C-alpha atoms as a PDB file:
ATOM      1  CA  MET A   1       0.000   0.000   0.000  1.00  0.00           C
ATOM      2  CA  GLN A   2       1.986   2.966  -1.260  1.00  0.00           C
ATOM      3  CA  ILE A   3      -0.317   5.875  -0.419  1.00  0.00           C
ATOM      4  CA  GLN A   4      -1.152   5.030   3.185  1.00  0.00           C
ATOM      5  CA  ARG A   5       1.772   6.885   4.714  1.00  0.00           C
ATOM      6  CA  PRO A   6       2.684   9.644   4.704  1.00  0.00           C
ATOM      7  CA  LEU A   7       0.134  11.028   2.215  1.00  0.00           C
ATOM      8  CA  THR A   8      -3.039   9.995   4.042  1.00  0.00           C
ATOM      9  CA  SER A   9      -1.794  11.583   7.273  1.00  0.00           C
ATOM     10  CA  TYR A  10      -1.292  14.908   5.493  1.00  0.00           C
ATOM     11  CA  ILE A  11      -4.689  14.640   3.831  1.00  0.00           C
ATOM     12  CA  GLY A  12      -6.238  14.138   7.252  1.00  0.00           C
ATOM     13  CA  LYS A  13      -4.309  17.082   8.670  1.00  0.00           C
ATOM     14  CA  TYR A  14      -4.856  19.651   5.915  1.00  0.00           C
ATOM     15  CA  LEU A  15      -8.090  18.717   4.144  1.00  0.00           C
ATOM     16  CA  ASN A  16     -10.915  19.786   6.395  1.00  0.00           C
ATOM     17  CA  LYS A  17     -13.617  17.908   4.515  1.00  0.00           C
ATOM     18  CA  PRO A  18     -14.242  14.455   3.006  1.00  0.00           C
ATOM     19  CA  VAL A  19     -12.098  13.579  -0.009  1.00  0.00           C
ATOM     20  CA  GLU A  20     -14.248  13.988  -3.126  1.00  0.00           C
ATOM     21  CA  ILE A  21     -11.917  14.305  -6.148  1.00  0.00           C
ATOM     22  CA  VAL A  22      -8.578  12.506  -6.613  1.00  0.00           C
ATOM     23  CA  PHE A  23      -6.330  12.619  -9.689  1.00  0.00           C
ATOM     24  CA  ASP A  24      -3.938   9.740 -10.365  1.00  0.00           C
ATOM     25  CA  ILE A  25      -1.757  11.086 -13.184  1.00  0.00           C
ATOM     26  CA  GLY A  26       0.582   8.512 -14.653  1.00  0.00           C
ATOM     27  CA  SER A  27      -1.464   5.645 -13.274  1.00  0.00           C
ATOM     28  CA  ARG A  28       0.632   2.953 -14.996  1.00  0.00           C
ATOM     29  CA  ASP A  29      -1.342  -0.216 -14.086  1.00  0.00           C
ATOM     30  CA  LEU A  30      -4.160   1.509 -12.121  1.00  0.00           C
ATOM     31  CA  ASP A  31      -2.982   0.066  -8.799  1.00  0.00           C
ATOM     32  CA  GLN A  32      -2.749   3.454  -7.044  1.00  0.00           C
ATOM     33  CA  SER A  33      -6.250   4.373  -8.221  1.00  0.00           C
ATOM     34  CA  ILE A  34      -7.572   1.098  -6.851  1.00  0.00           C
ATOM     35  CA  GLU A  35      -5.791   1.790  -3.580  1.00  0.00           C
ATOM     36  CA  PHE A  36      -7.380   5.244  -3.401  1.00  0.00           C
ATOM     37  CA  THR A  37     -10.814   3.647  -3.770  1.00  0.00           C
ATOM     38  CA  SER A  38     -10.120   1.415  -0.774  1.00  0.00           C
ATOM     39  CA  VAL A  39      -8.990   4.350   1.385  1.00  0.00           C
ATOM     40  CA  TYR A  40     -11.570   6.858   0.113  1.00  0.00           C
ATOM     41  CA  PRO A  41     -14.524   4.772  -1.139  1.00  0.00           C
ATOM     42  CA  ASN A  42     -16.767   7.803  -1.645  1.00  0.00           C
ATOM     43  CA  ALA A  43     -14.265   9.744  -3.764  1.00  0.00           C
ATOM     44  CA  LYS A  44     -14.218  10.004  -7.544  1.00  0.00           C
ATOM     45  CA  ILE A  45     -10.849   8.877  -8.894  1.00  0.00           C
ATOM     46  CA  PHE A  46      -9.685  10.239 -12.258  1.00  0.00           C
ATOM     47  CA  ALA A  47      -6.945   7.927 -13.544  1.00  0.00           C
ATOM     48  CA  ILE A  48      -4.844   9.169 -16.468  1.00  0.00           C
ATOM     49  CA  GLU A  49      -2.230   7.080 -18.276  1.00  0.00           C
ATOM     50  CA  ALA A  50      -0.389   7.967 -21.478  1.00  0.00           C
ATOM     51  CA  ASN A  51       1.385   4.678 -22.218  1.00  0.00           C
ATOM     52  CA  PRO A  52      -0.488   2.917 -25.055  1.00  0.00           C
ATOM     53  CA  GLU A  53       0.952  -0.407 -23.910  1.00  0.00           C
ATOM     54  CA  GLN A  54      -0.860   0.008 -20.564  1.00  0.00           C
ATOM     55  CA  LYS A  55      -4.189   1.166 -21.958  1.00  0.00           C
ATOM     56  CA  GLN A  56      -5.882  -2.250 -22.114  1.00  0.00           C
ATOM     57  CA  GLU A  57      -4.858  -3.255 -18.598  1.00  0.00           C
ATOM     58  CA  CYS A  58      -6.103   0.015 -17.125  1.00  0.00           C
ATOM     59  CA  GLU A  59      -9.392  -0.114 -19.038  1.00  0.00           C
ATOM     60  CA  THR A  60     -10.024  -3.704 -17.965  1.00  0.00           C
ATOM     61  CA  LYS A  61      -9.310  -3.045 -14.296  1.00  0.00           C
ATOM     62  CA  SER A  62     -11.314   0.186 -14.182  1.00  0.00           C
ATOM     63  CA  LYS A  63     -14.491  -1.624 -15.222  1.00  0.00           C
ATOM     64  CA  ASN A  64     -14.542  -3.246 -11.779  1.00  0.00           C
ATOM     65  CA  TYR A  65     -14.649   0.111  -9.953  1.00  0.00           C
ATOM     66  CA  LYS A  66     -17.580   2.438 -10.530  1.00  0.00           C
ATOM     67  CA  ASN A  67     -15.781   5.397  -8.966  1.00  0.00           C
ATOM     68  CA  ILE A  68     -12.681   5.181 -11.213  1.00  0.00           C
ATOM     69  CA  ASP A  69     -12.816   7.247 -14.408  1.00  0.00           C
ATOM     70  CA  PHE A  70      -9.942   6.118 -16.646  1.00  0.00           C
ATOM     71  CA  THR A  71      -8.648   8.147 -19.598  1.00  0.00           C
ATOM     72  CA  HIS A  72      -5.862   7.162 -21.971  1.00  0.00           C
ATOM     73  CA  THR A  73      -4.115  10.431 -22.789  1.00  0.00           C
ATOM     74  CA  ALA A  74      -0.975  12.366 -22.029  1.00  0.00           C
ATOM     75  CA  LEU A  75      -1.184  15.588 -20.073  1.00  0.00           C
ATOM     76  CA  SER A  76       1.247  18.228 -21.318  1.00  0.00           C
ATOM     77  CA  SER A  77       1.415  21.775 -22.664  1.00  0.00           C
ATOM     78  CA  VAL A  78       0.055  20.508 -26.000  1.00  0.00           C
ATOM     79  CA  ASN A  79      -3.499  19.954 -27.194  1.00  0.00           C
ATOM     80  CA  GLY A  80      -2.821  17.414 -29.926  1.00  0.00           C
ATOM     81  CA  ASN A  81      -0.537  14.470 -30.583  1.00  0.00           C
ATOM     82  CA  ILE A  82       2.920  14.246 -28.981  1.00  0.00           C
ATOM     83  CA  ASP A  83       5.705  11.658 -28.808  1.00  0.00           C
ATOM     84  CA  PHE A  84       5.752   9.097 -26.006  1.00  0.00           C
ATOM     85  CA  TYR A  85       8.681   6.822 -25.164  1.00  0.00           C
ATOM     86  CA  ALA A  86       7.409   3.530 -23.752  1.00  0.00           C
ATOM     87  CA  VAL A  87       9.861   1.219 -22.019  1.00  0.00           C
ATOM     88  CA  ILE A  88       9.441  -2.149 -23.707  1.00  0.00           C
ATOM     89  CA  LYS A  89       8.207  -5.000 -21.529  1.00  0.00           C
ATOM     90  CA  GLU A  90      10.857  -7.681 -21.724  1.00  0.00           C
ATOM     91  CA  LYS A  91      13.224  -9.791 -19.663  1.00  0.00           C
ATOM     92  CA  LEU A  92      16.478  -7.956 -19.236  1.00  0.00           C
ATOM     93  CA  GLN A  93      20.121  -8.846 -19.103  1.00  0.00           C
ATOM     94  CA  LYS A  94      21.309  -9.706 -15.592  1.00  0.00           C
ATOM     95  CA  LEU A  95      23.763  -7.627 -13.661  1.00  0.00           C
ATOM     96  CA  SER A  96      26.660  -9.421 -11.999  1.00  0.00           C
ATOM     97  CA  PHE A  97      25.087  -9.353  -8.531  1.00  0.00           C
ATOM     98  CA  GLU A  98      21.623 -10.570  -9.630  1.00  0.00           C
ATOM     99  CA  SER A  99      20.440 -14.165  -9.482  1.00  0.00           C
ATOM    100  CA  GLU A 100      17.859 -13.671 -12.240  1.00  0.00           C
ATOM    101  CA  ALA A 101      16.984 -11.027 -14.788  1.00  0.00           C
ATOM    102  CA  PRO A 102      14.236  -8.588 -13.765  1.00  0.00           C
ATOM    103  CA  GLU A 103      11.453  -7.379 -16.015  1.00  0.00           C
ATOM    104  CA  ALA A 104      11.750  -3.967 -17.622  1.00  0.00           C
ATOM    105  CA  ASN A 105      10.591  -1.000 -15.557  1.00  0.00           C
ATOM    106  CA  ILE A 106       7.619   0.192 -17.605  1.00  0.00           C
ATOM    107  CA  GLY A 107       7.154   2.927 -15.001  1.00  0.00           C
ATOM    108  CA  ALA A 108      10.204   4.643 -16.531  1.00  0.00           C
ATOM    109  CA  SER A 109       8.199   5.460 -19.683  1.00  0.00           C
ATOM    110  CA  SER A 110       7.869   9.186 -20.397  1.00  0.00           C
ATOM    111  CA  ILE A 111       6.913  11.854 -22.909  1.00  0.00           C
ATOM    112  CA  TYR A 112      10.541  13.063 -22.756  1.00  0.00           C
ATOM    113  CA  GLY A 113      12.635   9.902 -23.104  1.00  0.00           C
ATOM    114  CA  HIS A 114      15.808   9.229 -21.141  1.00  0.00           C
ATOM    115  CA  ASP A 115      18.603  11.775 -21.249  1.00  0.00           C
ATOM    116  CA  GLN A 116      21.935  10.539 -22.578  1.00  0.00           C
ATOM    117  CA  SER A 117      23.813  11.853 -19.540  1.00  0.00           C
ATOM    118  CA  TYR A 118      21.657   9.663 -17.302  1.00  0.00           C
ATOM    119  CA  ILE A 119      22.147   6.646 -19.573  1.00  0.00           C
ATOM    120  CA  ASP A 120      25.919   7.195 -19.446  1.00  0.00           C
ATOM    121  CA  SER A 121      25.842   7.444 -15.640  1.00  0.00           C
ATOM    122  CA  VAL A 122      23.928   4.177 -15.305  1.00  0.00           C
ATOM    123  CA  VAL A 123      26.273   2.402 -17.713  1.00  0.00           C
ATOM    124  CA  GLU A 124      29.302   3.671 -15.804  1.00  0.00           C
ATOM    125  CA  GLU A 125      27.832   2.543 -12.481  1.00  0.00           C
ATOM    126  CA  GLN A 126      26.191  -0.755 -13.468  1.00  0.00           C
ATOM    127  CA  GLY A 127      27.768  -1.755 -16.754  1.00  0.00           C
ATOM    128  CA  LEU A 128      24.621  -1.453 -18.888  1.00  0.00           C
ATOM    129  CA  PHE A 129      21.387   0.499 -19.310  1.00  0.00           C
ATOM    130  CA  ARG A 130      18.292  -1.690 -19.242  1.00  0.00           C
ATOM    131  CA  CYS A 131      15.487   0.487 -20.613  1.00  0.00           C
ATOM    132  CA  THR A 132      14.713  -0.018 -24.294  1.00  0.00           C
ATOM    133  CA  GLU A 133      12.235   2.592 -25.509  1.00  0.00           C
ATOM    134  CA  ARG A 134       9.620   2.374 -28.254  1.00  0.00           C
ATOM    135  CA  LYS A 135       8.333   5.721 -29.582  1.00  0.00           C
ATOM    136  CA  TYR A 136       4.604   6.306 -30.128  1.00  0.00           C
ATOM    137  CA  SER A 137       2.498   9.257 -31.219  1.00  0.00           C
ATOM    138  CA  ILE A 138      -0.272   9.674 -28.643  1.00  0.00           C
ATOM    139  CA  PRO A 139      -3.076  12.141 -27.834  1.00  0.00           C
ATOM    140  CA  SER A 140      -2.373  14.905 -25.349  1.00  0.00           C
ATOM    141  CA  THR A 141      -4.279  17.683 -23.630  1.00  0.00           C
ATOM    142  CA  THR A 142      -3.549  20.295 -20.993  1.00  0.00           C
ATOM    143  CA  LEU A 143      -4.571  19.736 -17.388  1.00  0.00           C
ATOM    144  CA  ASP A 144      -6.966  22.688 -17.499  1.00  0.00           C
ATOM    145  CA  ASN A 145      -8.615  21.449 -20.712  1.00  0.00           C
ATOM    146  CA  PHE A 146      -8.946  17.963 -19.283  1.00  0.00           C
ATOM    147  CA  CYS A 147     -10.727  19.374 -16.227  1.00  0.00           C
ATOM    148  CA  LEU A 148     -13.026  21.459 -18.419  1.00  0.00           C
ATOM    149  CA  SER A 149     -13.929  18.386 -20.468  1.00  0.00           C
ATOM    150  CA  LYS A 150     -14.794  16.464 -17.276  1.00  0.00           C
ATOM    151  CA  LYS A 151     -16.575  19.462 -15.674  1.00  0.00           C
ATOM    152  CA  ILE A 152     -14.158  19.432 -12.734  1.00  0.00           C
ATOM    153  CA  ASP A 153     -13.816  22.726 -10.876  1.00  0.00           C
ATOM    154  CA  PHE A 154     -11.680  21.594  -7.916  1.00  0.00           C
ATOM    155  CA  ILE A 155      -9.334  18.767  -6.942  1.00  0.00           C
ATOM    156  CA  ASP A 156      -8.711  17.552  -3.409  1.00  0.00           C
ATOM    157  CA  VAL A 157      -5.639  15.403  -4.090  1.00  0.00           C
ATOM    158  CA  ILE A 158      -3.277  14.944  -7.038  1.00  0.00           C
ATOM    159  CA  TRP A 159      -0.973  11.924  -7.109  1.00  0.00           C
ATOM    160  CA  ILE A 160       1.381  12.339 -10.062  1.00  0.00           C
ATOM    161  CA  ASP A 161       4.334  10.349 -11.372  1.00  0.00           C
ATOM    162  CA  THR A 162       5.090  11.121 -15.014  1.00  0.00           C
ATOM    163  CA  GLN A 163       8.859  10.720 -15.136  1.00  0.00           C
ATOM    164  CA  GLY A 164      10.066  14.284 -15.456  1.00  0.00           C
ATOM    165  CA  SER A 165       7.085  15.984 -17.095  1.00  0.00           C
ATOM    166  CA  GLU A 166       5.252  16.885 -13.861  1.00  0.00           C
ATOM    167  CA  LEU A 167       6.083  20.585 -14.001  1.00  0.00           C
ATOM    168  CA  GLU A 168       4.973  20.899 -17.630  1.00  0.00           C
ATOM    169  CA  ILE A 169       1.647  19.364 -16.605  1.00  0.00           C
ATOM    170  CA  PHE A 170       1.210  21.717 -13.646  1.00  0.00           C
ATOM    171  CA  LYS A 171       1.998  24.737 -15.800  1.00  0.00           C
ATOM    172  CA  SER A 172      -0.761  23.582 -18.175  1.00  0.00           C
ATOM    173  CA  GLY A 173      -3.253  23.625 -15.304  1.00  0.00           C
ATOM    174  CA  LEU A 174      -2.821  26.951 -13.535  1.00  0.00           C
ATOM    175  CA  ASN A 175      -6.576  27.484 -13.214  1.00  0.00           C
ATOM    176  CA  ILE A 176      -7.341  24.141 -11.577  1.00  0.00           C
ATOM    177  CA  LEU A 177      -4.153  24.330  -9.503  1.00  0.00           C
ATOM    178  CA  ARG A 178      -5.591  27.323  -7.660  1.00  0.00           C
ATOM    179  CA  LYS A 179      -8.405  25.014  -6.545  1.00  0.00           C
ATOM    180  CA  THR A 180      -6.238  22.003  -5.709  1.00  0.00           C
ATOM    181  CA  LYS A 181      -5.450  21.362  -2.050  1.00  0.00           C
ATOM    182  CA  ILE A 182      -2.795  18.607  -1.814  1.00  0.00           C
ATOM    183  CA  ILE A 183      -0.239  17.288  -4.318  1.00  0.00           C
ATOM    184  CA  HIS A 184       2.058  14.267  -4.137  1.00  0.00           C
ATOM    185  CA  THR A 185       4.666  14.513  -6.887  1.00  0.00           C
ATOM    186  CA  GLU A 186       7.966  13.026  -7.912  1.00  0.00           C
ATOM    187  CA  THR A 187      10.843  15.309  -8.892  1.00  0.00           C
ATOM    188  CA  GLN A 188      14.520  14.877  -9.721  1.00  0.00           C
ATOM    189  CA  TYR A 189      17.763  16.406  -8.431  1.00  0.00           C
ATOM    190  CA  LYS A 190      19.718  15.351 -11.527  1.00  0.00           C
ATOM    191  CA  LYS A 191      18.549  15.056 -15.108  1.00  0.00           C
ATOM    192  CA  MET A 192      17.114  11.655 -16.006  1.00  0.00           C
ATOM    193  CA  TYR A 193      14.901  12.695 -18.936  1.00  0.00           C
ATOM    194  CA  LYS A 194      15.457  15.033 -21.868  1.00  0.00           C
ATOM    195  CA  ASN A 195      14.626  18.696 -21.242  1.00  0.00           C
ATOM    196  CA  GLN A 196      13.177  18.014 -17.796  1.00  0.00           C
ATOM    197  CA  PRO A 197      13.155  20.640 -15.012  1.00  0.00           C
ATOM    198  CA  LEU A 198      14.878  19.781 -11.741  1.00  0.00           C
ATOM    199  CA  TYR A 199      13.982  20.220  -8.078  1.00  0.00           C
ATOM    200  CA  PRO A 200      14.948  23.924  -7.669  1.00  0.00           C
ATOM    201  CA  GLU A 201      12.694  24.956 -10.568  1.00  0.00           C
ATOM    202  CA  VAL A 202       9.842  22.768  -9.314  1.00  0.00           C
ATOM    203  CA  LYS A 203      10.183  24.194  -5.797  1.00  0.00           C
ATOM    204  CA  GLU A 204      10.204  27.774  -7.086  1.00  0.00           C
ATOM    205  CA  PHE A 205       7.106  27.182  -9.212  1.00  0.00           C
ATOM    206  CA  PHE A 206       5.071  25.834  -6.334  1.00  0.00           C
ATOM    207  CA  GLU A 207       6.180  28.520  -3.900  1.00  0.00           C
ATOM    208  CA  ASN A 208       5.226  31.181  -6.451  1.00  0.00           C
ATOM    209  CA  ASN A 209       1.787  29.585  -6.758  1.00  0.00           C
ATOM    210  CA  GLY A 210       0.941  29.404  -3.062  1.00  0.00           C
ATOM    211  CA  PHE A 211       2.041  25.847  -2.239  1.00  0.00           C
ATOM    212  CA  GLU A 212       4.185  24.767   0.698  1.00  0.00           C
ATOM    213  CA  ILE A 213       6.367  21.661   0.751  1.00  0.00           C
ATOM    214  CA  VAL A 214       5.340  19.772   3.893  1.00  0.00           C
ATOM    215  CA  PHE A 215       7.199  16.533   3.140  1.00  0.00           C
ATOM    216  CA  ASN A 216      10.365  15.652   1.210  1.00  0.00           C
ATOM    217  CA  ARG A 217      11.051  11.914   1.187  1.00  0.00           C
ATOM    218  CA  PHE A 218      14.725  12.099   0.207  1.00  0.00           C
ATOM    219  CA  PRO A 219      16.041  15.626   0.926  1.00  0.00           C
ATOM    220  CA  ASN A 220      19.602  14.416   0.300  1.00  0.00           C
ATOM    221  CA  GLY A 221      18.748  11.967  -2.463  1.00  0.00           C
ATOM    222  CA  LYS A 222      21.123  11.262  -5.328  1.00  0.00           C
ATOM    223  CA  TRP A 223      18.648  11.284  -8.224  1.00  0.00           C
ATOM    224  CA  GLU A 224      15.043  11.919  -7.187  1.00  0.00           C
ATOM    225  CA  THR A 225      12.556  12.390  -4.387  1.00  0.00           C
ATOM    226  CA  ASP A 226       8.830  12.582  -3.596  1.00  0.00           C
ATOM    227  CA  LEU A 227       7.208  15.783  -2.361  1.00  0.00           C
ATOM    228  CA  ILE A 228       3.899  16.476  -0.649  1.00  0.00           C
ATOM    229  CA  LEU A 229       2.656  20.034  -1.127  1.00  0.00           C
ATOM    230  CA  VAL A 230      -0.282  21.897   0.396  1.00  0.00           C
ATOM    231  CA  ASN A 231      -2.063  24.898  -1.104  1.00  0.00           C
ATOM    232  CA  LYS A 232      -1.882  27.601   1.553  1.00  0.00           C
ATOM    233  CA  ASN A 233      -4.519  29.710  -0.224  1.00  0.00           C
ATOM    234  CA  ILE A 234      -7.337  27.190   0.334  1.00  0.00           C
END
């Protein structure tokens, strides 16, 4: 159960009403959305996944939950088709210290694709890079336009993990962000994806838009961390 702590404790502390609207952006296999339904059974969960290779799994699972609304689309600054780099599902070459080869990390798929500097760092450290990407052209919309299409005028909680494109998505949703209370987001200290913003820029954006960082999972992390932010203006 990945959302139980610390996110639920901050929701209980800062959201002075029942949870009604949750966004799961970058829902991958829908597991976090399903978990949200178990914790907040009366909430409406909007699950959004861009990876075309995950579409069928998410659609199939969502049919079992009446309060999950699944949409296959990317969120970005673009209304129209964009490129998406899906990590191919396959058995991978073993590293020297592994007893068996793991499956590919499909959660590393992104609209940006891996940056060469990150690939070089992984190769130097581990001897090989184990994410093979397949490029697709997929539909995209801005966060604000998505909310308009769904007639959503506020969000209680956003859970987002989109491998480097989080800030682009937030910048595409400035209107709904003003009416969003709590955000759980991933961000990076060093570049992992092409053209991605890093932690200082993410921090500055949120502070300029009335959000306070109340939790940083890995404040001294090497590559990335998770943040929980609260809108001080609500």
